[in-house]
Amino acid sequence: MNLNISIGPLVSLLAGILILVMPRLLNYIVAIYLIVMGLLGLFGSGSLRI
């Protein structure tokens, strides 16, 4: 069974939930999100094959 999971939307969803739960961490969450998206863009296709 092949299941393709895109990492981008999962990271966005996680970041959104963390911002709702802990608004004080907004700067850190946005910074980590941008770093992860940049690394995925440079080194990965942005999807996992499970």
C-alpha atoms as a PDB file:
ATOM      1  CA  MET A   1       0.000   0.000   0.000  1.00  0.00           C
ATOM      2  CA  ASN A   2       1.440   3.358  -1.025  1.00  0.00           C
ATOM      3  CA  LEU A   3       0.434   6.482   0.849  1.00  0.00           C
ATOM      4  CA  ASN A   4       1.792   9.836  -0.256  1.00  0.00           C
ATOM      5  CA  ILE A   5       1.878  12.450   2.484  1.00  0.00           C
ATOM      6  CA  SER A   6       2.858  15.996   1.658  1.00  0.00           C
ATOM      7  CA  ILE A   7       5.015  17.534   4.377  1.00  0.00           C
ATOM      8  CA  GLY A   8       4.232  21.192   3.615  1.00  0.00           C
ATOM      9  CA  PRO A   9       0.549  21.134   4.625  1.00  0.00           C
ATOM     10  CA  LEU A  10       1.327  19.032   7.708  1.00  0.00           C
ATOM     11  CA  VAL A  11       3.932  21.545   8.903  1.00  0.00           C
ATOM     12  CA  SER A  12       1.503  24.404   8.211  1.00  0.00           C
ATOM     13  CA  LEU A  13      -1.244  22.679  10.186  1.00  0.00           C
ATOM     14  CA  LEU A  14       1.075  22.015  13.110  1.00  0.00           C
ATOM     15  CA  ALA A  15       2.322  25.625  13.076  1.00  0.00           C
ATOM     16  CA  GLY A  16      -1.248  26.941  13.029  1.00  0.00           C
ATOM     17  CA  ILE A  17      -2.281  24.778  15.966  1.00  0.00           C
ATOM     18  CA  LEU A  18       0.784  25.824  17.972  1.00  0.00           C
ATOM     19  CA  ILE A  19       0.071  29.503  17.291  1.00  0.00           C
ATOM     20  CA  LEU A  20      -3.512  29.076  18.518  1.00  0.00           C
ATOM     21  CA  VAL A  21      -2.405  27.218  21.657  1.00  0.00           C
ATOM     22  CA  MET A  22       0.687  29.325  22.462  1.00  0.00           C
ATOM     23  CA  PRO A  23       0.438  32.797  20.860  1.00  0.00           C
ATOM     24  CA  ARG A  24       3.571  33.998  22.691  1.00  0.00           C
ATOM     25  CA  LEU A  25       5.680  31.628  20.589  1.00  0.00           C
ATOM     26  CA  LEU A  26       4.523  33.168  17.293  1.00  0.00           C
ATOM     27  CA  ASN A  27       7.968  34.471  16.292  1.00  0.00           C
ATOM     28  CA  TYR A  28       9.667  31.145  16.959  1.00  0.00           C
ATOM     29  CA  ILE A  29       6.965  29.120  15.221  1.00  0.00           C
ATOM     30  CA  VAL A  30       7.112  31.308  12.107  1.00  0.00           C
ATOM     31  CA  ALA A  31      10.915  31.163  12.048  1.00  0.00           C
ATOM     32  CA  ILE A  32      10.974  27.369  12.382  1.00  0.00           C
ATOM     33  CA  TYR A  33       8.270  27.043   9.716  1.00  0.00           C
ATOM     34  CA  LEU A  34      10.245  29.171   7.272  1.00  0.00           C
ATOM     35  CA  ILE A  35      13.440  27.222   7.934  1.00  0.00           C
ATOM     36  CA  VAL A  36      11.699  23.863   7.454  1.00  0.00           C
ATOM     37  CA  MET A  37       9.995  25.003   4.237  1.00  0.00           C
ATOM     38  CA  GLY A  38      13.295  26.364   2.920  1.00  0.00           C
ATOM     39  CA  LEU A  39      15.139  23.136   3.671  1.00  0.00           C
ATOM     40  CA  LEU A  40      12.399  21.062   2.070  1.00  0.00           C
ATOM     41  CA  GLY A  41      12.543  23.261  -0.997  1.00  0.00           C
ATOM     42  CA  LEU A  42      16.307  22.913  -1.277  1.00  0.00           C
ATOM     43  CA  PHE A  43      16.843  19.268  -0.399  1.00  0.00           C
ATOM     44  CA  GLY A  44      13.563  17.401  -0.619  1.00  0.00           C
ATOM     45  CA  SER A  45      10.579  16.964  -2.818  1.00  0.00           C
ATOM     46  CA  GLY A  46       8.267  17.901   0.046  1.00  0.00           C
ATOM     47  CA  SER A  47       6.531  14.541   0.273  1.00  0.00           C
ATOM     48  CA  LEU A  48       7.021  11.280   2.085  1.00  0.00           C
ATOM     49  CA  ARG A  49       6.271   7.911   0.551  1.00  0.00           C
ATOM     50  CA  ILE A  50       5.001   5.478   3.151  1.00  0.00           C
END
